[in-house]
Protein backbone atom coordinates (compact mmCIF):
# COMPACT_ATOMS: atom_id res chain seq x y z
CA MET A 1 1.01 -19.39 23.32
CA TRP A 2 -0.48 -17.41 26.15
CA PHE A 3 -3.42 -16.53 23.80
CA VAL A 4 -4.10 -20.18 23.28
CA ASN A 5 -3.97 -20.92 27.01
CA LEU A 6 -6.37 -18.04 27.74
CA ALA A 7 -8.82 -19.26 25.09
CA LEU A 8 -8.79 -22.78 26.58
CA ARG A 9 -9.33 -21.46 30.18
CA ARG A 10 -12.11 -19.05 29.09
CA PRO A 11 -13.94 -20.64 26.01
CA TYR A 12 -17.25 -18.73 26.53
CA THR A 13 -15.35 -15.36 26.49
CA PHE A 14 -13.96 -16.17 22.96
CA VAL A 15 -17.39 -17.54 21.79
CA VAL A 16 -18.98 -14.25 22.85
CA ILE A 17 -16.17 -12.15 21.20
CA ALA A 18 -16.56 -14.10 17.89
CA LEU A 19 -20.37 -13.64 17.99
CA LEU A 20 -19.99 -9.75 18.71
CA ILE A 21 -17.64 -9.59 15.71
CA PHE A 22 -19.97 -11.39 13.45
CA ILE A 23 -23.04 -9.39 14.61
CA PHE A 24 -21.32 -5.94 14.25
CA GLY A 25 -19.74 -7.09 10.90
CA PHE A 26 -23.15 -8.09 9.55
CA ALA A 27 -24.67 -4.78 10.84
CA SER A 28 -21.96 -2.74 9.14
CA ALA A 29 -22.38 -4.53 5.79
CA ILE A 30 -26.16 -3.88 5.75
CA LYS A 31 -25.69 -0.16 6.71
CA SER A 32 -22.77 0.57 4.31
CA PRO A 33 -23.69 2.21 1.08
CA LYS A 34 -23.83 -0.20 -1.93
CA ASP A 35 -23.45 2.26 -4.71
CA ALA A 36 -20.85 1.26 -7.27
CA LEU A 37 -20.24 4.74 -8.42
CA PRO A 38 -20.71 7.14 -5.48
CA ASN A 39 -21.43 10.87 -6.06
CA ILE A 40 -18.13 12.66 -6.02
CA ASN A 41 -17.81 16.56 -6.19
CA VAL A 42 -15.20 17.02 -8.89
CA PRO A 43 -13.97 20.64 -9.23
CA VAL A 44 -14.82 22.03 -12.71
CA ILE A 45 -13.39 25.19 -14.51
CA SER A 46 -15.19 26.91 -17.14
CA VAL A 47 -13.36 29.08 -19.88
CA ILE A 48 -15.28 31.19 -22.39
CA TRP A 49 -13.40 32.37 -25.46
CA SER A 50 -14.94 35.28 -27.36
CA TYR A 51 -13.27 36.29 -30.63
CA GLU A 52 -15.19 38.48 -33.12
CA GLY A 53 -15.04 37.59 -36.75
CA LEU A 54 -13.91 33.97 -36.62
CA THR A 55 -16.18 31.01 -37.57
CA ALA A 56 -16.66 28.21 -35.13
CA SER A 57 -14.36 25.88 -37.03
CA ASP A 58 -11.56 28.44 -37.16
CA MET A 59 -12.05 29.26 -33.41
CA GLU A 60 -11.73 25.57 -32.54
CA LYS A 61 -8.55 25.02 -34.77
CA SER A 62 -6.71 28.18 -33.74
CA VAL A 63 -7.64 28.96 -30.07
CA THR A 64 -9.70 26.31 -28.34
CA THR A 65 -7.65 23.27 -29.12
CA PHE A 66 -4.37 24.98 -27.98
CA SER A 67 -5.93 26.31 -24.76
CA GLU A 68 -7.40 22.85 -24.03
CA ILE A 69 -4.01 21.26 -24.32
CA SER A 70 -2.16 23.80 -22.32
CA MET A 71 -4.73 23.62 -19.58
CA SER A 72 -4.88 19.96 -19.24
CA THR A 73 -1.14 19.66 -19.09
CA THR A 74 -0.62 22.30 -16.40
CA VAL A 75 -3.52 21.25 -13.94
CA ASN A 76 -2.81 18.47 -11.45
């Protein structure tokens, strides 16, 4: 109730505060970035498997698939 009494006693103060909130809100909305998908630096790990004598399909079936599964389940 004291807040209402203060607003009734000093109406110009509350008008100025409301205008400042509006101006600063409008200025921050203009200056804030509007990109829907901002650039995010995601950590990346690269693993290179070298196995002599296997074809690409055999390498995929026997080594790469299992290592991808094991790495994706253990990384947070």
